[in-house]
Amino acid sequence: MAPEAPDDLELARLREQKLKRYARLQHLKATGLDWPESPVEQSTGDAVAFLKKYPVAMLEFWAQWCKPCHKMRPVVEELAAEYWGDVAFARLDLDKNADARELWGVTVLPTLIITKHALEVTRIEGASTRTRLVKHLAPYAASPEERVKREGRAQPPGAQGE
């Protein structure tokens, strides 16, 4: 069997991406929430409401002068697009929201807090790799791909299509 052409591989990747997005859209219609596709800049008060609104959320604390924060920004934006519909992402600039330091006990930048039903479940302090962040996010993602990885199937046992 001849190896697949690079164009065929790219088409397969794009098809898979579209299917994932479609599955997420169906999930979103079922939940009725308006999920942000990229991290949303929040104030301290808005962040509390944001965490209460979404079942699973990641809150990123950063500052303009923080170089590791700027290095993490594209990684977090990429993850926000990838986990869209499963995890909501928000950002808090600590220079503009000094009260957030005390409210959430942030002492290191960047700090990422993953919440489930507005309760902190994971805290990641300092710059981190994409792989480490995915490891922390994967258990909370409701996407069919993550279910397959965790359970070996995307639908409940006995559902049609298995």
N, C-alpha and C. Protein backbone atom coordinates (compact mmCIF):
# COMPACT_ATOMS: atom_id res chain seq x y z
N MET A 1 0.85 -1.18 0.00
CA MET A 1 0.00 0.00 0.00
C MET A 1 0.90 1.24 0.00
N ALA A 2 0.61 2.18 -0.89
CA ALA A 2 1.41 3.40 -1.02
C ALA A 2 1.10 4.35 0.13
N PRO A 3 2.12 5.09 0.60
CA PRO A 3 1.87 6.06 1.66
C PRO A 3 0.94 7.16 1.17
N GLU A 4 0.16 7.72 2.08
CA GLU A 4 -0.78 8.77 1.71
C GLU A 4 -0.04 10.05 1.36
N ALA A 5 -0.58 10.78 0.40
CA ALA A 5 0.02 12.06 0.00
C ALA A 5 -0.20 13.09 1.11
N PRO A 6 0.71 14.07 1.22
CA PRO A 6 0.54 15.10 2.26
C PRO A 6 -0.80 15.82 2.17
N ASP A 7 -1.31 16.01 0.94
CA ASP A 7 -2.61 16.67 0.79
C ASP A 7 -3.73 15.83 1.40
N ASP A 8 -3.65 14.50 1.22
CA ASP A 8 -4.67 13.62 1.79
C ASP A 8 -4.64 13.66 3.31
N LEU A 9 -3.44 13.69 3.88
CA LEU A 9 -3.31 13.78 5.34
C LEU A 9 -3.89 15.09 5.86
N GLU A 10 -3.62 16.17 5.14
CA GLU A 10 -4.14 17.48 5.54
C GLU A 10 -5.67 17.50 5.45
N LEU A 11 -6.22 16.93 4.40
CA LEU A 11 -7.68 16.86 4.26
C LEU A 11 -8.30 16.03 5.38
N ALA A 12 -7.65 14.92 5.72
CA ALA A 12 -8.15 14.08 6.81
C ALA A 12 -8.11 14.84 8.13
N ARG A 13 -7.04 15.61 8.37
CA ARG A 13 -6.92 16.40 9.60
C ARG A 13 -8.00 17.47 9.65
N LEU A 14 -8.23 18.15 8.52
CA LEU A 14 -9.26 19.18 8.48
C LEU A 14 -10.65 18.59 8.67
N ARG A 15 -10.90 17.43 8.09
CA ARG A 15 -12.20 16.77 8.25
C ARG A 15 -12.42 16.43 9.72
N GLU A 16 -11.38 15.88 10.36
CA GLU A 16 -11.49 15.52 11.77
C GLU A 16 -11.76 16.76 12.63
N GLN A 17 -11.08 17.87 12.31
CA GLN A 17 -11.29 19.12 13.04
C GLN A 17 -12.74 19.59 12.90
N LYS A 18 -13.27 19.52 11.69
CA LYS A 18 -14.66 19.95 11.44
C LYS A 18 -15.64 19.06 12.20
N LEU A 19 -15.38 17.76 12.20
CA LEU A 19 -16.27 16.84 12.92
C LEU A 19 -16.26 17.11 14.42
N LYS A 20 -15.07 17.40 14.96
CA LYS A 20 -14.97 17.74 16.38
C LYS A 20 -15.77 19.00 16.69
N ARG A 21 -15.63 20.00 15.83
CA ARG A 21 -16.35 21.26 16.03
C ARG A 21 -17.86 21.02 15.97
N TYR A 22 -18.30 20.19 15.01
CA TYR A 22 -19.72 19.88 14.90
C TYR A 22 -20.23 19.18 16.16
N ALA A 23 -19.44 18.22 16.67
CA ALA A 23 -19.84 17.52 17.89
C ALA A 23 -19.96 18.50 19.05
N ARG A 24 -19.04 19.44 19.13
CA ARG A 24 -19.10 20.44 20.20
C ARG A 24 -20.31 21.35 20.04
N LEU A 25 -20.62 21.73 18.80
CA LEU A 25 -21.80 22.57 18.58
C LEU A 25 -23.07 21.85 19.05
N GLN A 26 -23.16 20.56 18.77
CA GLN A 26 -24.32 19.79 19.22
C GLN A 26 -24.38 19.76 20.74
N HIS A 27 -23.22 19.60 21.36
CA HIS A 27 -23.15 19.61 22.83
C HIS A 27 -23.59 20.96 23.38
N LEU A 28 -23.15 22.04 22.73
CA LEU A 28 -23.51 23.39 23.19
C LEU A 28 -25.00 23.65 23.07
N LYS A 29 -25.59 23.18 21.98
CA LYS A 29 -27.03 23.35 21.82
C LYS A 29 -27.78 22.66 22.95
N ALA A 30 -27.27 21.51 23.37
CA ALA A 30 -27.90 20.76 24.45
C ALA A 30 -27.78 21.49 25.79
N THR A 31 -26.63 22.14 26.04
CA THR A 31 -26.44 22.82 27.32
C THR A 31 -27.08 24.19 27.37
N GLY A 32 -27.19 24.86 26.22
CA GLY A 32 -27.80 26.18 26.17
C GLY A 32 -26.90 27.31 26.62
N LEU A 33 -25.61 27.04 26.90
CA LEU A 33 -24.68 28.09 27.32
C LEU A 33 -24.00 28.72 26.11
N ASP A 34 -23.66 29.98 26.23
CA ASP A 34 -22.93 30.69 25.19
C ASP A 34 -21.45 30.65 25.55
N TRP A 35 -20.73 29.66 25.04
CA TRP A 35 -19.33 29.43 25.39
C TRP A 35 -18.42 30.35 24.61
N PRO A 36 -17.46 31.01 25.26
CA PRO A 36 -16.50 31.85 24.54
C PRO A 36 -15.48 30.98 23.80
N GLU A 37 -15.09 31.42 22.59
CA GLU A 37 -14.13 30.65 21.79
C GLU A 37 -12.68 31.01 22.12
N SER A 38 -12.48 32.08 22.86
CA SER A 38 -11.13 32.48 23.26
C SER A 38 -11.22 33.02 24.68
N PRO A 39 -10.07 33.13 25.36
CA PRO A 39 -10.12 33.65 26.74
C PRO A 39 -10.75 35.04 26.81
N VAL A 40 -11.59 35.24 27.79
CA VAL A 40 -12.32 36.49 27.97
C VAL A 40 -11.65 37.29 29.07
N GLU A 41 -11.33 38.54 28.79
CA GLU A 41 -10.74 39.43 29.81
C GLU A 41 -11.83 39.79 30.82
N GLN A 42 -11.56 39.59 32.11
CA GLN A 42 -12.55 39.81 33.16
C GLN A 42 -12.01 40.73 34.24
N SER A 43 -12.94 41.36 34.96
CA SER A 43 -12.58 42.07 36.19
C SER A 43 -12.81 41.08 37.33
N THR A 44 -12.44 41.45 38.53
CA THR A 44 -12.58 40.53 39.67
C THR A 44 -14.04 40.10 39.86
N GLY A 45 -14.95 41.07 39.89
CA GLY A 45 -16.37 40.75 40.09
C GLY A 45 -16.95 39.93 38.96
N ASP A 46 -16.58 40.29 37.73
CA ASP A 46 -17.08 39.54 36.57
C ASP A 46 -16.54 38.12 36.55
N ALA A 47 -15.31 37.94 37.03
CA ALA A 47 -14.70 36.61 37.03
C ALA A 47 -15.46 35.66 37.95
N VAL A 48 -15.92 36.16 39.08
CA VAL A 48 -16.69 35.32 40.01
C VAL A 48 -17.98 34.86 39.32
N ALA A 49 -18.67 35.77 38.65
CA ALA A 49 -19.89 35.42 37.92
C ALA A 49 -19.58 34.46 36.77
N PHE A 50 -18.46 34.67 36.08
CA PHE A 50 -18.03 33.82 34.98
C PHE A 50 -17.83 32.38 35.46
N LEU A 51 -17.16 32.22 36.60
CA LEU A 51 -16.91 30.88 37.14
C LEU A 51 -18.20 30.18 37.56
N LYS A 52 -19.17 30.94 38.02
CA LYS A 52 -20.45 30.36 38.41
C LYS A 52 -21.29 29.97 37.20
N LYS A 53 -21.08 30.67 36.08
CA LYS A 53 -21.88 30.44 34.88
C LYS A 53 -21.50 29.12 34.18
N TYR A 54 -20.22 28.80 34.14
CA TYR A 54 -19.76 27.63 33.39
C TYR A 54 -19.39 26.48 34.32
N PRO A 55 -19.78 25.25 33.96
CA PRO A 55 -19.48 24.10 34.81
C PRO A 55 -17.99 23.89 35.04
N VAL A 56 -17.20 24.08 33.99
CA VAL A 56 -15.74 23.95 34.10
C VAL A 56 -15.12 25.20 33.47
N ALA A 57 -14.22 25.83 34.20
CA ALA A 57 -13.58 27.05 33.69
C ALA A 57 -12.12 27.10 34.12
N MET A 58 -11.33 27.81 33.32
CA MET A 58 -9.93 28.05 33.68
C MET A 58 -9.74 29.55 33.76
N LEU A 59 -9.22 30.00 34.88
CA LEU A 59 -8.97 31.41 35.11
C LEU A 59 -7.46 31.64 35.08
N GLU A 60 -7.02 32.53 34.19
CA GLU A 60 -5.59 32.82 34.04
C GLU A 60 -5.29 34.18 34.65
N PHE A 61 -4.36 34.20 35.59
CA PHE A 61 -3.92 35.45 36.20
C PHE A 61 -2.62 35.85 35.54
N TRP A 62 -2.54 37.11 35.09
CA TRP A 62 -1.36 37.58 34.37
C TRP A 62 -1.14 39.06 34.64
N ALA A 63 -0.02 39.58 34.16
CA ALA A 63 0.28 41.01 34.25
C ALA A 63 1.07 41.41 33.00
N GLN A 64 0.95 42.65 32.63
CA GLN A 64 1.61 43.16 31.42
C GLN A 64 3.13 43.01 31.49
N TRP A 65 3.72 43.17 32.64
CA TRP A 65 5.17 43.12 32.80
C TRP A 65 5.73 41.70 32.91
N CYS A 66 4.86 40.69 32.98
CA CYS A 66 5.26 39.30 33.22
C CYS A 66 5.59 38.59 31.91
N LYS A 67 6.88 38.34 31.65
CA LYS A 67 7.31 37.68 30.41
C LYS A 67 6.79 36.24 30.29
N PRO A 68 6.84 35.43 31.36
CA PRO A 68 6.27 34.08 31.24
C PRO A 68 4.77 34.11 30.90
N CYS A 69 4.06 35.14 31.37
CA CYS A 69 2.63 35.27 31.05
C CYS A 69 2.44 35.45 29.54
N HIS A 70 3.29 36.26 28.94
CA HIS A 70 3.20 36.49 27.49
C HIS A 70 3.55 35.23 26.71
N LYS A 71 4.46 34.43 27.24
CA LYS A 71 4.81 33.17 26.56
C LYS A 71 3.67 32.15 26.67
N MET A 72 2.92 32.20 27.76
CA MET A 72 1.80 31.27 27.97
C MET A 72 0.56 31.67 27.17
N ARG A 73 0.44 32.93 26.85
CA ARG A 73 -0.77 33.43 26.20
C ARG A 73 -1.18 32.65 24.95
N PRO A 74 -0.26 32.41 23.97
CA PRO A 74 -0.69 31.65 22.78
C PRO A 74 -1.09 30.21 23.11
N VAL A 75 -0.45 29.62 24.10
CA VAL A 75 -0.78 28.25 24.50
C VAL A 75 -2.20 28.21 25.07
N VAL A 76 -2.51 29.16 25.94
CA VAL A 76 -3.84 29.21 26.55
C VAL A 76 -4.91 29.51 25.48
N GLU A 77 -4.60 30.39 24.54
CA GLU A 77 -5.55 30.69 23.47
C GLU A 77 -5.81 29.46 22.60
N GLU A 78 -4.77 28.71 22.33
CA GLU A 78 -4.91 27.47 21.54
C GLU A 78 -5.77 26.46 22.29
N LEU A 79 -5.54 26.33 23.58
CA LEU A 79 -6.34 25.40 24.39
C LEU A 79 -7.79 25.85 24.49
N ALA A 80 -8.01 27.15 24.55
CA ALA A 80 -9.38 27.68 24.61
C ALA A 80 -10.15 27.28 23.35
N ALA A 81 -9.49 27.34 22.21
CA ALA A 81 -10.13 26.94 20.96
C ALA A 81 -10.35 25.43 20.93
N GLU A 82 -9.38 24.68 21.41
CA GLU A 82 -9.46 23.22 21.40
C GLU A 82 -10.53 22.69 22.35
N TYR A 83 -10.64 23.30 23.53
CA TYR A 83 -11.60 22.84 24.54
C TYR A 83 -12.89 23.67 24.53
N TRP A 84 -13.09 24.41 23.48
CA TRP A 84 -14.29 25.24 23.35
C TRP A 84 -15.53 24.36 23.51
N GLY A 85 -16.42 24.78 24.37
CA GLY A 85 -17.63 24.02 24.63
C GLY A 85 -17.50 23.07 25.81
N ASP A 86 -16.27 22.84 26.26
CA ASP A 86 -16.04 21.96 27.41
C ASP A 86 -15.50 22.74 28.60
N VAL A 87 -14.59 23.66 28.32
CA VAL A 87 -13.96 24.47 29.36
C VAL A 87 -14.01 25.93 28.91
N ALA A 88 -14.49 26.81 29.76
CA ALA A 88 -14.51 28.24 29.46
C ALA A 88 -13.24 28.88 30.03
N PHE A 89 -12.61 29.77 29.26
CA PHE A 89 -11.35 30.38 29.66
C PHE A 89 -11.54 31.87 29.89
N ALA A 90 -10.97 32.37 30.99
CA ALA A 90 -11.01 33.80 31.31
C ALA A 90 -9.63 34.25 31.77
N ARG A 91 -9.38 35.55 31.60
CA ARG A 91 -8.10 36.15 32.02
C ARG A 91 -8.37 37.28 32.99
N LEU A 92 -7.46 37.42 33.95
CA LEU A 92 -7.54 38.52 34.90
C LEU A 92 -6.19 39.21 34.96
N ASP A 93 -6.15 40.47 34.58
CA ASP A 93 -4.92 41.27 34.66
C ASP A 93 -4.79 41.77 36.08
N LEU A 94 -3.77 41.32 36.80
CA LEU A 94 -3.61 41.68 38.20
C LEU A 94 -3.19 43.13 38.40
N ASP A 95 -2.64 43.77 37.38
CA ASP A 95 -2.34 45.20 37.49
C ASP A 95 -3.62 46.02 37.55
N LYS A 96 -4.64 45.60 36.84
CA LYS A 96 -5.92 46.31 36.83
C LYS A 96 -6.87 45.82 37.92
N ASN A 97 -6.63 44.63 38.44
CA ASN A 97 -7.51 44.02 39.45
C ASN A 97 -6.68 43.54 40.64
N ALA A 98 -6.12 44.49 41.37
CA ALA A 98 -5.23 44.16 42.49
C ALA A 98 -5.94 43.34 43.58
N ASP A 99 -7.24 43.54 43.75
CA ASP A 99 -7.98 42.81 44.77
C ASP A 99 -8.07 41.32 44.47
N ALA A 100 -7.83 40.93 43.22
CA ALA A 100 -7.89 39.52 42.83
C ALA A 100 -6.77 38.71 43.48
N ARG A 101 -5.62 39.36 43.72
CA ARG A 101 -4.50 38.66 44.37
C ARG A 101 -4.93 38.09 45.72
N GLU A 102 -5.57 38.92 46.50
CA GLU A 102 -5.98 38.50 47.83
C GLU A 102 -7.17 37.53 47.77
N LEU A 103 -8.12 37.81 46.90
CA LEU A 103 -9.33 36.99 46.80
C LEU A 103 -8.98 35.54 46.45
N TRP A 104 -8.07 35.35 45.48
CA TRP A 104 -7.71 34.00 45.04
C TRP A 104 -6.35 33.53 45.58
N GLY A 105 -5.67 34.34 46.36
CA GLY A 105 -4.39 33.93 46.94
C GLY A 105 -3.30 33.73 45.90
N VAL A 106 -3.26 34.61 44.91
CA VAL A 106 -2.26 34.49 43.84
C VAL A 106 -0.97 35.16 44.28
N THR A 107 0.12 34.38 44.29
CA THR A 107 1.43 34.91 44.67
C THR A 107 2.46 34.76 43.55
N VAL A 108 2.15 33.95 42.55
CA VAL A 108 3.06 33.67 41.45
C VAL A 108 2.34 33.96 40.13
N LEU A 109 3.07 34.53 39.19
CA LEU A 109 2.51 34.75 37.86
C LEU A 109 3.31 33.98 36.83
N PRO A 110 2.67 33.43 35.84
CA PRO A 110 1.23 33.27 35.70
C PRO A 110 0.70 32.19 36.64
N THR A 111 -0.55 32.34 37.00
CA THR A 111 -1.26 31.32 37.77
C THR A 111 -2.52 30.96 37.00
N LEU A 112 -2.75 29.67 36.86
CA LEU A 112 -3.95 29.17 36.19
C LEU A 112 -4.75 28.37 37.21
N ILE A 113 -6.03 28.68 37.33
CA ILE A 113 -6.89 27.96 38.26
C ILE A 113 -8.01 27.31 37.46
N ILE A 114 -8.15 26.01 37.60
CA ILE A 114 -9.25 25.28 36.96
C ILE A 114 -10.33 25.09 38.01
N THR A 115 -11.56 25.46 37.65
CA THR A 115 -12.68 25.33 38.58
C THR A 115 -13.74 24.41 38.00
N LYS A 116 -14.43 23.75 38.88
CA LYS A 116 -15.58 22.94 38.49
C LYS A 116 -16.73 23.39 39.38
N HIS A 117 -17.78 23.87 38.78
CA HIS A 117 -18.93 24.44 39.50
C HIS A 117 -18.47 25.50 40.49
N ALA A 118 -17.57 26.37 40.01
CA ALA A 118 -17.03 27.53 40.73
C ALA A 118 -16.13 27.16 41.92
N LEU A 119 -15.77 25.89 42.06
CA LEU A 119 -14.86 25.48 43.12
C LEU A 119 -13.51 25.11 42.51
N GLU A 120 -12.44 25.60 43.11
CA GLU A 120 -11.11 25.32 42.59
C GLU A 120 -10.79 23.83 42.71
N VAL A 121 -10.35 23.25 41.58
CA VAL A 121 -9.95 21.84 41.59
C VAL A 121 -8.46 21.67 41.29
N THR A 122 -7.88 22.61 40.57
CA THR A 122 -6.46 22.55 40.23
C THR A 122 -5.88 23.94 40.16
N ARG A 123 -4.66 24.09 40.64
CA ARG A 123 -3.94 25.36 40.55
C ARG A 123 -2.58 25.07 39.94
N ILE A 124 -2.24 25.81 38.90
CA ILE A 124 -0.95 25.66 38.22
C ILE A 124 -0.24 27.00 38.33
N GLU A 125 0.88 27.00 39.04
CA GLU A 125 1.62 28.25 39.26
C GLU A 125 2.88 28.26 38.42
N GLY A 126 3.16 29.40 37.81
CA GLY A 126 4.34 29.54 36.96
C GLY A 126 4.06 29.06 35.55
N ALA A 127 5.00 29.35 34.65
CA ALA A 127 4.86 28.94 33.26
C ALA A 127 4.79 27.42 33.18
N SER A 128 4.02 26.92 32.23
CA SER A 128 3.82 25.49 32.10
C SER A 128 3.79 25.11 30.63
N THR A 129 4.01 23.84 30.35
CA THR A 129 3.97 23.36 28.98
C THR A 129 2.54 23.06 28.58
N ARG A 130 2.31 22.99 27.28
CA ARG A 130 1.00 22.65 26.75
C ARG A 130 0.60 21.25 27.23
N THR A 131 1.55 20.33 27.20
CA THR A 131 1.29 18.96 27.60
C THR A 131 0.80 18.89 29.05
N ARG A 132 1.43 19.65 29.92
CA ARG A 132 1.02 19.65 31.33
C ARG A 132 -0.38 20.24 31.50
N LEU A 133 -0.67 21.30 30.75
CA LEU A 133 -2.00 21.90 30.84
C LEU A 133 -3.07 20.95 30.33
N VAL A 134 -2.79 20.27 29.22
CA VAL A 134 -3.75 19.30 28.67
C VAL A 134 -4.00 18.19 29.69
N LYS A 135 -2.96 17.75 30.36
CA LYS A 135 -3.08 16.71 31.38
C LYS A 135 -4.05 17.14 32.49
N HIS A 136 -3.99 18.42 32.85
CA HIS A 136 -4.88 18.92 33.90
C HIS A 136 -6.30 19.16 33.39
N LEU A 137 -6.44 19.55 32.12
CA LEU A 137 -7.76 19.86 31.56
C LEU A 137 -8.54 18.62 31.13
N ALA A 138 -7.84 17.62 30.63
CA ALA A 138 -8.50 16.45 30.03
C ALA A 138 -9.56 15.79 30.91
N PRO A 139 -9.33 15.62 32.21
CA PRO A 139 -10.37 14.97 33.01
C PRO A 139 -11.68 15.75 33.10
N TYR A 140 -11.64 17.04 32.84
CA TYR A 140 -12.84 17.87 32.98
C TYR A 140 -13.51 18.15 31.64
N ALA A 141 -12.89 17.73 30.54
CA ALA A 141 -13.46 17.98 29.23
C ALA A 141 -14.58 16.98 28.97
N ALA A 142 -15.66 17.48 28.38
CA ALA A 142 -16.80 16.62 28.08
C ALA A 142 -16.83 16.23 26.61
N SER A 143 -15.76 16.53 25.87
CA SER A 143 -15.77 16.26 24.44
C SER A 143 -15.76 14.76 24.16
N PRO A 144 -16.35 14.34 23.06
CA PRO A 144 -16.38 12.91 22.72
C PRO A 144 -14.97 12.31 22.62
N GLU A 145 -13.99 13.09 22.12
CA GLU A 145 -12.63 12.56 21.99
C GLU A 145 -12.05 12.22 23.36
N GLU A 146 -12.29 13.09 24.35
CA GLU A 146 -11.77 12.85 25.69
C GLU A 146 -12.49 11.66 26.33
N ARG A 147 -13.79 11.52 26.06
CA ARG A 147 -14.51 10.38 26.59
C ARG A 147 -13.95 9.08 26.02
N VAL A 148 -13.62 9.09 24.74
CA VAL A 148 -13.04 7.90 24.12
C VAL A 148 -11.72 7.57 24.80
N LYS A 149 -10.89 8.58 25.05
CA LYS A 149 -9.60 8.34 25.70
C LYS A 149 -9.79 7.77 27.10
N ARG A 150 -10.78 8.30 27.85
CA ARG A 150 -10.97 7.87 29.24
C ARG A 150 -11.75 6.56 29.34
N GLU A 151 -12.82 6.44 28.52
CA GLU A 151 -13.75 5.32 28.68
C GLU A 151 -13.67 4.29 27.57
N GLY A 152 -13.04 4.64 26.45
CA GLY A 152 -12.97 3.72 25.32
C GLY A 152 -14.17 3.80 24.42
N ARG A 153 -15.08 4.72 24.69
CA ARG A 153 -16.27 4.92 23.83
C ARG A 153 -16.78 6.34 24.01
N ALA A 154 -17.48 6.83 22.99
CA ALA A 154 -17.97 8.20 23.03
C ALA A 154 -19.41 8.27 23.53
N GLN A 155 -20.15 7.17 23.41
CA GLN A 155 -21.55 7.15 23.80
C GLN A 155 -21.75 6.16 24.95
N PRO A 156 -22.85 6.29 25.67
CA PRO A 156 -23.12 5.34 26.74
C PRO A 156 -23.27 3.93 26.18
N PRO A 157 -23.01 2.91 26.98
CA PRO A 157 -23.17 1.53 26.51
C PRO A 157 -24.59 1.31 26.01
N GLY A 158 -24.72 0.60 24.90
CA GLY A 158 -26.03 0.29 24.35
C GLY A 158 -26.61 1.36 23.45
N ALA A 159 -25.93 2.52 23.35
CA ALA A 159 -26.44 3.59 22.49
C ALA A 159 -26.26 3.19 21.03
N GLN A 160 -27.11 3.71 20.17
CA GLN A 160 -27.00 3.39 18.75
C GLN A 160 -25.70 3.95 18.20
N GLY A 161 -25.11 3.25 17.24
CA GLY A 161 -23.89 3.71 16.62
C GLY A 161 -22.65 3.04 17.17
N GLU A 162 -22.81 2.17 18.18
CA GLU A 162 -21.64 1.47 18.73
C GLU A 162 -21.52 0.11 18.09
